[in-house]
Amino acid sequence: MNQSTIRSIFRWIHIIFGIPIIGYIYDSPADTPNYAWSIRCVFLPVILLTGLWMWKGHLVRRLFSKRPADAVDSYTNVR
């Protein structure tokens, strides 16, 4: 799968899972205990993981790639 497609999928997951958090913030305080566990245990972790993947996923892919460390482009040898 293309990297831009994967990024687009993660972006839409991030946006859709963010919608219930808006409801959690702006709903009446009497209703929030009814679904607070789902916000804490499902929606927030998914938002955090997709956001981190979109931000630093290239480093995770580089860490688990099969290329040797010499083949990775880096600026450590530039003088």
PDB file of N, CA and C in Angstrom:
ATOM      1  N   MET A   1       0.839  -1.170   0.000  1.00  0.00           N
ATOM      2  CA  MET A   1       0.000   0.000   0.000  1.00  0.00           C
ATOM      3  C   MET A   1       0.891   1.242   0.000  1.00  0.00           C
ATOM      4  N   ASN A   2       0.461   2.259  -0.679  1.00  0.00           N
ATOM      5  CA  ASN A   2       1.210   3.499  -0.807  1.00  0.00           C
ATOM      6  C   ASN A   2       1.257   4.239   0.543  1.00  0.00           C
ATOM      7  N   GLN A   3       2.355   4.911   0.821  1.00  0.00           N
ATOM      8  CA  GLN A   3       2.493   5.622   2.095  1.00  0.00           C
ATOM      9  C   GLN A   3       1.487   6.762   2.230  1.00  0.00           C
ATOM     10  N   SER A   4       1.154   7.414   1.129  1.00  0.00           N
ATOM     11  CA  SER A   4       0.168   8.498   1.215  1.00  0.00           C
ATOM     12  C   SER A   4      -1.222   7.950   1.522  1.00  0.00           C
ATOM     13  N   THR A   5      -1.528   6.754   1.042  1.00  0.00           N
ATOM     14  CA  THR A   5      -2.812   6.124   1.356  1.00  0.00           C
ATOM     15  C   THR A   5      -2.884   5.756   2.829  1.00  0.00           C
ATOM     16  N   ILE A   6      -1.803   5.204   3.345  1.00  0.00           N
ATOM     17  CA  ILE A   6      -1.757   4.849   4.771  1.00  0.00           C
ATOM     18  C   ILE A   6      -1.901   6.101   5.629  1.00  0.00           C
ATOM     19  N   ARG A   7      -1.226   7.159   5.247  1.00  0.00           N
ATOM     20  CA  ARG A   7      -1.331   8.409   6.000  1.00  0.00           C
ATOM     21  C   ARG A   7      -2.747   8.965   5.955  1.00  0.00           C
ATOM     22  N   SER A   8      -3.401   8.864   4.811  1.00  0.00           N
ATOM     23  CA  SER A   8      -4.777   9.331   4.679  1.00  0.00           C
ATOM     24  C   SER A   8      -5.721   8.509   5.552  1.00  0.00           C
ATOM     25  N   ILE A   9      -5.513   7.203   5.602  1.00  0.00           N
ATOM     26  CA  ILE A   9      -6.334   6.347   6.467  1.00  0.00           C
ATOM     27  C   ILE A   9      -6.150   6.725   7.921  1.00  0.00           C
ATOM     28  N   PHE A  10      -4.902   6.897   8.349  1.00  0.00           N
ATOM     29  CA  PHE A  10      -4.647   7.291   9.737  1.00  0.00           C
ATOM     30  C   PHE A  10      -5.227   8.669  10.041  1.00  0.00           C
ATOM     31  N   ARG A  11      -5.176   9.564   9.084  1.00  0.00           N
ATOM     32  CA  ARG A  11      -5.730  10.906   9.286  1.00  0.00           C
ATOM     33  C   ARG A  11      -7.243  10.837   9.512  1.00  0.00           C
ATOM     34  N   TRP A  12      -7.944  10.035   8.698  1.00  0.00           N
ATOM     35  CA  TRP A  12      -9.396   9.929   8.865  1.00  0.00           C
ATOM     36  C   TRP A  12      -9.766   9.201  10.157  1.00  0.00           C
ATOM     37  N   ILE A  13      -9.004   8.198  10.545  1.00  0.00           N
ATOM     38  CA  ILE A  13      -9.237   7.546  11.846  1.00  0.00           C
ATOM     39  C   ILE A  13      -9.060   8.564  12.963  1.00  0.00           C
ATOM     40  N   HIS A  14      -8.034   9.364  12.866  1.00  0.00           N
ATOM     41  CA  HIS A  14      -7.749  10.395  13.869  1.00  0.00           C
ATOM     42  C   HIS A  14      -8.895  11.404  13.964  1.00  0.00           C
ATOM     43  N   ILE A  15      -9.409  11.839  12.832  1.00  0.00           N
ATOM     44  CA  ILE A  15     -10.503  12.815  12.823  1.00  0.00           C
ATOM     45  C   ILE A  15     -11.791  12.208  13.366  1.00  0.00           C
ATOM     46  N   ILE A  16     -12.139  11.001  12.917  1.00  0.00           N
ATOM     47  CA  ILE A  16     -13.403  10.384  13.335  1.00  0.00           C
ATOM     48  C   ILE A  16     -13.390  10.033  14.818  1.00  0.00           C
ATOM     49  N   PHE A  17     -12.270   9.562  15.327  1.00  0.00           N
ATOM     50  CA  PHE A  17     -12.201   9.239  16.751  1.00  0.00           C
ATOM     51  C   PHE A  17     -12.099  10.494  17.620  1.00  0.00           C
ATOM     52  N   GLY A  18     -11.840  11.632  17.024  1.00  0.00           N
ATOM     53  CA  GLY A  18     -11.817  12.885  17.774  1.00  0.00           C
ATOM     54  C   GLY A  18     -13.195  13.477  17.993  1.00  0.00           C
ATOM     55  N   ILE A  19     -14.168  13.085  17.191  1.00  0.00           N
ATOM     56  CA  ILE A  19     -15.521  13.634  17.309  1.00  0.00           C
ATOM     57  C   ILE A  19     -16.157  13.328  18.667  1.00  0.00           C
ATOM     58  N   PRO A  20     -16.075  12.092  19.198  1.00  0.00           N
ATOM     59  CA  PRO A  20     -16.662  11.850  20.532  1.00  0.00           C
ATOM     60  C   PRO A  20     -16.002  12.662  21.651  1.00  0.00           C
ATOM     61  N   ILE A  21     -14.752  13.034  21.486  1.00  0.00           N
ATOM     62  CA  ILE A  21     -14.102  13.847  22.515  1.00  0.00           C
ATOM     63  C   ILE A  21     -14.719  15.240  22.553  1.00  0.00           C
ATOM     64  N   ILE A  22     -15.100  15.757  21.396  1.00  0.00           N
ATOM     65  CA  ILE A  22     -15.800  17.048  21.364  1.00  0.00           C
ATOM     66  C   ILE A  22     -17.117  16.940  22.117  1.00  0.00           C
ATOM     67  N   GLY A  23     -17.840  15.833  21.911  1.00  0.00           N
ATOM     68  CA  GLY A  23     -19.077  15.610  22.658  1.00  0.00           C
ATOM     69  C   GLY A  23     -18.839  15.465  24.144  1.00  0.00           C
ATOM     70  N   TYR A  24     -17.732  14.841  24.502  1.00  0.00           N
ATOM     71  CA  TYR A  24     -17.390  14.685  25.918  1.00  0.00           C
ATOM     72  C   TYR A  24     -17.119  16.034  26.567  1.00  0.00           C
ATOM     73  N   ILE A  25     -16.483  16.919  25.846  1.00  0.00           N
ATOM     74  CA  ILE A  25     -16.137  18.229  26.400  1.00  0.00           C
ATOM     75  C   ILE A  25     -17.364  19.117  26.512  1.00  0.00           C
ATOM     76  N   TYR A  26     -18.204  19.121  25.479  1.00  0.00           N
ATOM     77  CA  TYR A  26     -19.308  20.075  25.430  1.00  0.00           C
ATOM     78  C   TYR A  26     -20.636  19.515  25.923  1.00  0.00           C
ATOM     79  N   ASP A  27     -20.707  18.258  26.331  1.00  0.00           N
ATOM     80  CA  ASP A  27     -21.940  17.688  26.843  1.00  0.00           C
ATOM     81  C   ASP A  27     -22.155  18.128  28.288  1.00  0.00           C
ATOM     82  N   SER A  28     -23.363  17.927  28.768  1.00  0.00           N
ATOM     83  CA  SER A  28     -23.651  18.323  30.143  1.00  0.00           C
ATOM     84  C   SER A  28     -22.876  17.427  31.113  1.00  0.00           C
ATOM     85  N   PRO A  29     -22.472  17.968  32.244  1.00  0.00           N
ATOM     86  CA  PRO A  29     -21.676  17.178  33.200  1.00  0.00           C
ATOM     87  C   PRO A  29     -22.426  15.973  33.773  1.00  0.00           C
ATOM     88  N   ALA A  30     -23.743  15.996  33.754  1.00  0.00           N
ATOM     89  CA  ALA A  30     -24.500  14.862  34.279  1.00  0.00           C
ATOM     90  C   ALA A  30     -24.390  13.639  33.366  1.00  0.00           C
ATOM     91  N   ASP A  31     -24.158  13.848  32.068  1.00  0.00           N
ATOM     92  CA  ASP A  31     -24.101  12.733  31.120  1.00  0.00           C
ATOM     93  C   ASP A  31     -22.692  12.179  30.910  1.00  0.00           C
ATOM     94  N   THR A  32     -21.685  12.901  31.282  1.00  0.00           N
ATOM     95  CA  THR A  32     -20.317  12.466  30.975  1.00  0.00           C
ATOM     96  C   THR A  32     -19.889  11.173  31.662  1.00  0.00           C
ATOM     97  N   PRO A  33     -20.332  10.861  32.885  1.00  0.00           N
ATOM     98  CA  PRO A  33     -19.899   9.567  33.459  1.00  0.00           C
ATOM     99  C   PRO A  33     -20.402   8.354  32.685  1.00  0.00           C
ATOM    100  N   ASN A  34     -21.446   8.519  31.875  1.00  0.00           N
ATOM    101  CA  ASN A  34     -21.994   7.380  31.137  1.00  0.00           C
ATOM    102  C   ASN A  34     -21.016   6.847  30.092  1.00  0.00           C
ATOM    103  N   TYR A  35     -20.228   7.686  29.493  1.00  0.00           N
ATOM    104  CA  TYR A  35     -19.309   7.223  28.459  1.00  0.00           C
ATOM    105  C   TYR A  35     -17.874   7.696  28.675  1.00  0.00           C
ATOM    106  N   ALA A  36     -17.540   8.069  29.884  1.00  0.00           N
ATOM    107  CA  ALA A  36     -16.172   8.515  30.166  1.00  0.00           C
ATOM    108  C   ALA A  36     -15.168   7.374  30.004  1.00  0.00           C
ATOM    109  N   TRP A  37     -15.559   6.146  30.346  1.00  0.00           N
ATOM    110  CA  TRP A  37     -14.636   5.012  30.211  1.00  0.00           C
ATOM    111  C   TRP A  37     -14.271   4.757  28.759  1.00  0.00           C
ATOM    112  N   SER A  38     -15.232   4.936  27.847  1.00  0.00           N
ATOM    113  CA  SER A  38     -14.910   4.700  26.438  1.00  0.00           C
ATOM    114  C   SER A  38     -13.978   5.779  25.891  1.00  0.00           C
ATOM    115  N   ILE A  39     -14.138   6.998  26.383  1.00  0.00           N
ATOM    116  CA  ILE A  39     -13.232   8.066  25.963  1.00  0.00           C
ATOM    117  C   ILE A  39     -11.822   7.771  26.456  1.00  0.00           C
ATOM    118  N   ARG A  40     -11.705   7.367  27.706  1.00  0.00           N
ATOM    119  CA  ARG A  40     -10.385   7.123  28.297  1.00  0.00           C
ATOM    120  C   ARG A  40      -9.697   5.871  27.761  1.00  0.00           C
ATOM    121  N   CYS A  41     -10.471   4.824  27.505  1.00  0.00           N
ATOM    122  CA  CYS A  41      -9.866   3.531  27.160  1.00  0.00           C
ATOM    123  C   CYS A  41      -9.852   3.213  25.677  1.00  0.00           C
ATOM    124  N   VAL A  42     -10.669   3.888  24.877  1.00  0.00           N
ATOM    125  CA  VAL A  42     -10.740   3.575  23.451  1.00  0.00           C
ATOM    126  C   VAL A  42     -10.331   4.765  22.600  1.00  0.00           C
ATOM    127  N   PHE A  43     -11.070   5.855  22.705  1.00  0.00           N
ATOM    128  CA  PHE A  43     -10.901   6.966  21.778  1.00  0.00           C
ATOM    129  C   PHE A  43      -9.577   7.712  21.979  1.00  0.00           C
ATOM    130  N   LEU A  44      -9.238   8.028  23.207  1.00  0.00           N
ATOM    131  CA  LEU A  44      -7.995   8.756  23.450  1.00  0.00           C
ATOM    132  C   LEU A  44      -6.746   7.967  23.060  1.00  0.00           C
ATOM    133  N   PRO A  45      -6.639   6.676  23.418  1.00  0.00           N
ATOM    134  CA  PRO A  45      -5.453   5.929  22.961  1.00  0.00           C
ATOM    135  C   PRO A  45      -5.347   5.821  21.432  1.00  0.00           C
ATOM    136  N   VAL A  46      -6.492   5.652  20.748  1.00  0.00           N
ATOM    137  CA  VAL A  46      -6.447   5.572  19.291  1.00  0.00           C
ATOM    138  C   VAL A  46      -5.991   6.896  18.701  1.00  0.00           C
ATOM    139  N   ILE A  47      -6.485   8.002  19.247  1.00  0.00           N
ATOM    140  CA  ILE A  47      -6.079   9.319  18.763  1.00  0.00           C
ATOM    141  C   ILE A  47      -4.590   9.547  19.016  1.00  0.00           C
ATOM    142  N   LEU A  48      -4.116   9.156  20.179  1.00  0.00           N
ATOM    143  CA  LEU A  48      -2.692   9.322  20.487  1.00  0.00           C
ATOM    144  C   LEU A  48      -1.812   8.481  19.563  1.00  0.00           C
ATOM    145  N   LEU A  49      -2.195   7.225  19.347  1.00  0.00           N
ATOM    146  CA  LEU A  49      -1.372   6.355  18.503  1.00  0.00           C
ATOM    147  C   LEU A  49      -1.369   6.798  17.044  1.00  0.00           C
ATOM    148  N   THR A  50      -2.527   7.182  16.513  1.00  0.00           N
ATOM    149  CA  THR A  50      -2.552   7.633  15.123  1.00  0.00           C
ATOM    150  C   THR A  50      -1.822   8.959  14.958  1.00  0.00           C
ATOM    151  N   GLY A  51      -1.947   9.839  15.937  1.00  0.00           N
ATOM    152  CA  GLY A  51      -1.228  11.107  15.864  1.00  0.00           C
ATOM    153  C   GLY A  51       0.273  10.913  15.922  1.00  0.00           C
ATOM    154  N   LEU A  52       0.730  10.046  16.815  1.00  0.00           N
ATOM    155  CA  LEU A  52       2.163   9.765  16.900  1.00  0.00           C
ATOM    156  C   LEU A  52       2.671   9.075  15.633  1.00  0.00           C
ATOM    157  N   TRP A  53       1.856   8.189  15.055  1.00  0.00           N
ATOM    158  CA  TRP A  53       2.270   7.519  13.830  1.00  0.00           C
ATOM    159  C   TRP A  53       2.392   8.506  12.679  1.00  0.00           C
ATOM    160  N   MET A  54       1.436   9.445  12.589  1.00  0.00           N
ATOM    161  CA  MET A  54       1.525  10.438  11.521  1.00  0.00           C
ATOM    162  C   MET A  54       2.703  11.380  11.735  1.00  0.00           C
ATOM    163  N   TRP A  55       3.061  11.615  13.001  1.00  0.00           N
ATOM    164  CA  TRP A  55       4.138  12.541  13.311  1.00  0.00           C
ATOM    165  C   TRP A  55       5.508  11.877  13.160  1.00  0.00           C
ATOM    166  N   LYS A  56       5.695  10.726  13.786  1.00  0.00           N
ATOM    167  CA  LYS A  56       7.004  10.070  13.823  1.00  0.00           C
ATOM    168  C   LYS A  56       6.998   8.655  13.263  1.00  0.00           C
ATOM    169  N   GLY A  57       6.043   8.341  12.419  1.00  0.00           N
ATOM    170  CA  GLY A  57       5.967   6.997  11.851  1.00  0.00           C
ATOM    171  C   GLY A  57       7.143   6.656  10.963  1.00  0.00           C
ATOM    172  N   HIS A  58       7.705   7.661  10.315  1.00  0.00           N
ATOM    173  CA  HIS A  58       8.864   7.400   9.450  1.00  0.00           C
ATOM    174  C   HIS A  58      10.046   6.874  10.249  1.00  0.00           C
ATOM    175  N   LEU A  59      10.186   7.300  11.492  1.00  0.00           N
ATOM    176  CA  LEU A  59      11.281   6.793  12.326  1.00  0.00           C
ATOM    177  C   LEU A  59      11.031   5.356  12.759  1.00  0.00           C
ATOM    178  N   VAL A  60       9.775   5.016  13.028  1.00  0.00           N
ATOM    179  CA  VAL A  60       9.439   3.641  13.401  1.00  0.00           C
ATOM    180  C   VAL A  60       9.657   2.714  12.213  1.00  0.00           C
ATOM    181  N   ARG A  61       9.250   3.159  11.027  1.00  0.00           N
ATOM    182  CA  ARG A  61       9.472   2.341   9.833  1.00  0.00           C
ATOM    183  C   ARG A  61      10.963   2.151   9.581  1.00  0.00           C
ATOM    184  N   ARG A  62      11.754   3.181   9.798  1.00  0.00           N
ATOM    185  CA  ARG A  62      13.199   3.075   9.602  1.00  0.00           C
ATOM    186  C   ARG A  62      13.813   2.135  10.637  1.00  0.00           C
ATOM    187  N   LEU A  63      13.275   2.145  11.848  1.00  0.00           N
ATOM    188  CA  LEU A  63      13.794   1.286  12.906  1.00  0.00           C
ATOM    189  C   LEU A  63      13.566  -0.186  12.578  1.00  0.00           C
ATOM    190  N   PHE A  64      12.423  -0.504  11.980  1.00  0.00           N
ATOM    191  CA  PHE A  64      12.086  -1.886  11.692  1.00  0.00           C
ATOM    192  C   PHE A  64      12.341  -2.286  10.236  1.00  0.00           C
ATOM    193  N   SER A  65      12.993  -1.438   9.464  1.00  0.00           N
ATOM    194  CA  SER A  65      13.248  -1.791   8.067  1.00  0.00           C
ATOM    195  C   SER A  65      14.354  -2.832   7.986  1.00  0.00           C
ATOM    196  N   LYS A  66      14.422  -3.508   6.871  1.00  0.00           N
ATOM    197  CA  LYS A  66      15.414  -4.553   6.690  1.00  0.00           C
ATOM    198  C   LYS A  66      16.711  -4.025   6.102  1.00  0.00           C
ATOM    199  N   ARG A  67      16.757  -2.727   5.798  1.00  0.00           N
ATOM    200  CA  ARG A  67      17.987  -2.151   5.253  1.00  0.00           C
ATOM    201  C   ARG A  67      19.015  -2.015   6.372  1.00  0.00           C
ATOM    202  N   PRO A  68      20.271  -2.175   6.042  1.00  0.00           N
ATOM    203  CA  PRO A  68      21.305  -1.980   7.064  1.00  0.00           C
ATOM    204  C   PRO A  68      21.412  -0.505   7.450  1.00  0.00           C
ATOM    205  N   ALA A  69      22.033  -0.266   8.571  1.00  0.00           N
ATOM    206  CA  ALA A  69      22.133   1.098   9.082  1.00  0.00           C
ATOM    207  C   ALA A  69      22.957   1.989   8.157  1.00  0.00           C
ATOM    208  N   ASP A  70      23.887   1.421   7.397  1.00  0.00           N
ATOM    209  CA  ASP A  70      24.705   2.221   6.483  1.00  0.00           C
ATOM    210  C   ASP A  70      23.889   2.772   5.323  1.00  0.00           C
ATOM    211  N   ALA A  71      22.820   2.069   4.947  1.00  0.00           N
ATOM    212  CA  ALA A  71      22.018   2.490   3.799  1.00  0.00           C
ATOM    213  C   ALA A  71      21.019   3.585   4.152  1.00  0.00           C
ATOM    214  N   VAL A  72      20.806   3.840   5.436  1.00  0.00           N
ATOM    215  CA  VAL A  72      19.855   4.852   5.862  1.00  0.00           C
ATOM    216  C   VAL A  72      20.466   6.227   5.656  1.00  0.00           C
ATOM    217  N   ASP A  73      19.715   7.113   5.029  1.00  0.00           N
ATOM    218  CA  ASP A  73      20.209   8.471   4.812  1.00  0.00           C
ATOM    219  C   ASP A  73      20.285   9.202   6.137  1.00  0.00           C
ATOM    220  N   SER A  74      21.437   9.726   6.440  1.00  0.00           N
ATOM    221  CA  SER A  74      21.583  10.491   7.669  1.00  0.00           C
ATOM    222  C   SER A  74      22.540  11.644   7.431  1.00  0.00           C
ATOM    223  N   TYR A  75      22.465  12.603   8.298  1.00  0.00           N
ATOM    224  CA  TYR A  75      23.321  13.779   8.185  1.00  0.00           C
ATOM    225  C   TYR A  75      24.472  13.732   9.165  1.00  0.00           C
ATOM    226  N   THR A  76      24.749  12.580   9.734  1.00  0.00           N
ATOM    227  CA  THR A  76      25.812  12.492  10.736  1.00  0.00           C
ATOM    228  C   THR A  76      27.192  12.597  10.094  1.00  0.00           C
ATOM    229  N   ASN A  77      27.314  12.185   8.827  1.00  0.00           N
ATOM    230  CA  ASN A  77      28.630  12.209   8.186  1.00  0.00           C
ATOM    231  C   ASN A  77      28.883  13.488   7.393  1.00  0.00           C
ATOM    232  N   VAL A  78      27.944  14.404   7.392  1.00  0.00           N
ATOM    233  CA  VAL A  78      28.100  15.656   6.648  1.00  0.00           C
ATOM    234  C   VAL A  78      28.951  16.606   7.476  1.00  0.00           C
ATOM    235  N   ARG A  79      29.955  17.190   6.831  1.00  0.00           N
ATOM    236  CA  ARG A  79      30.819  18.115   7.575  1.00  0.00           C
ATOM    237  C   ARG A  79      30.874  19.435   6.910  1.00  0.00           C
TER     238      ARG A  79
END
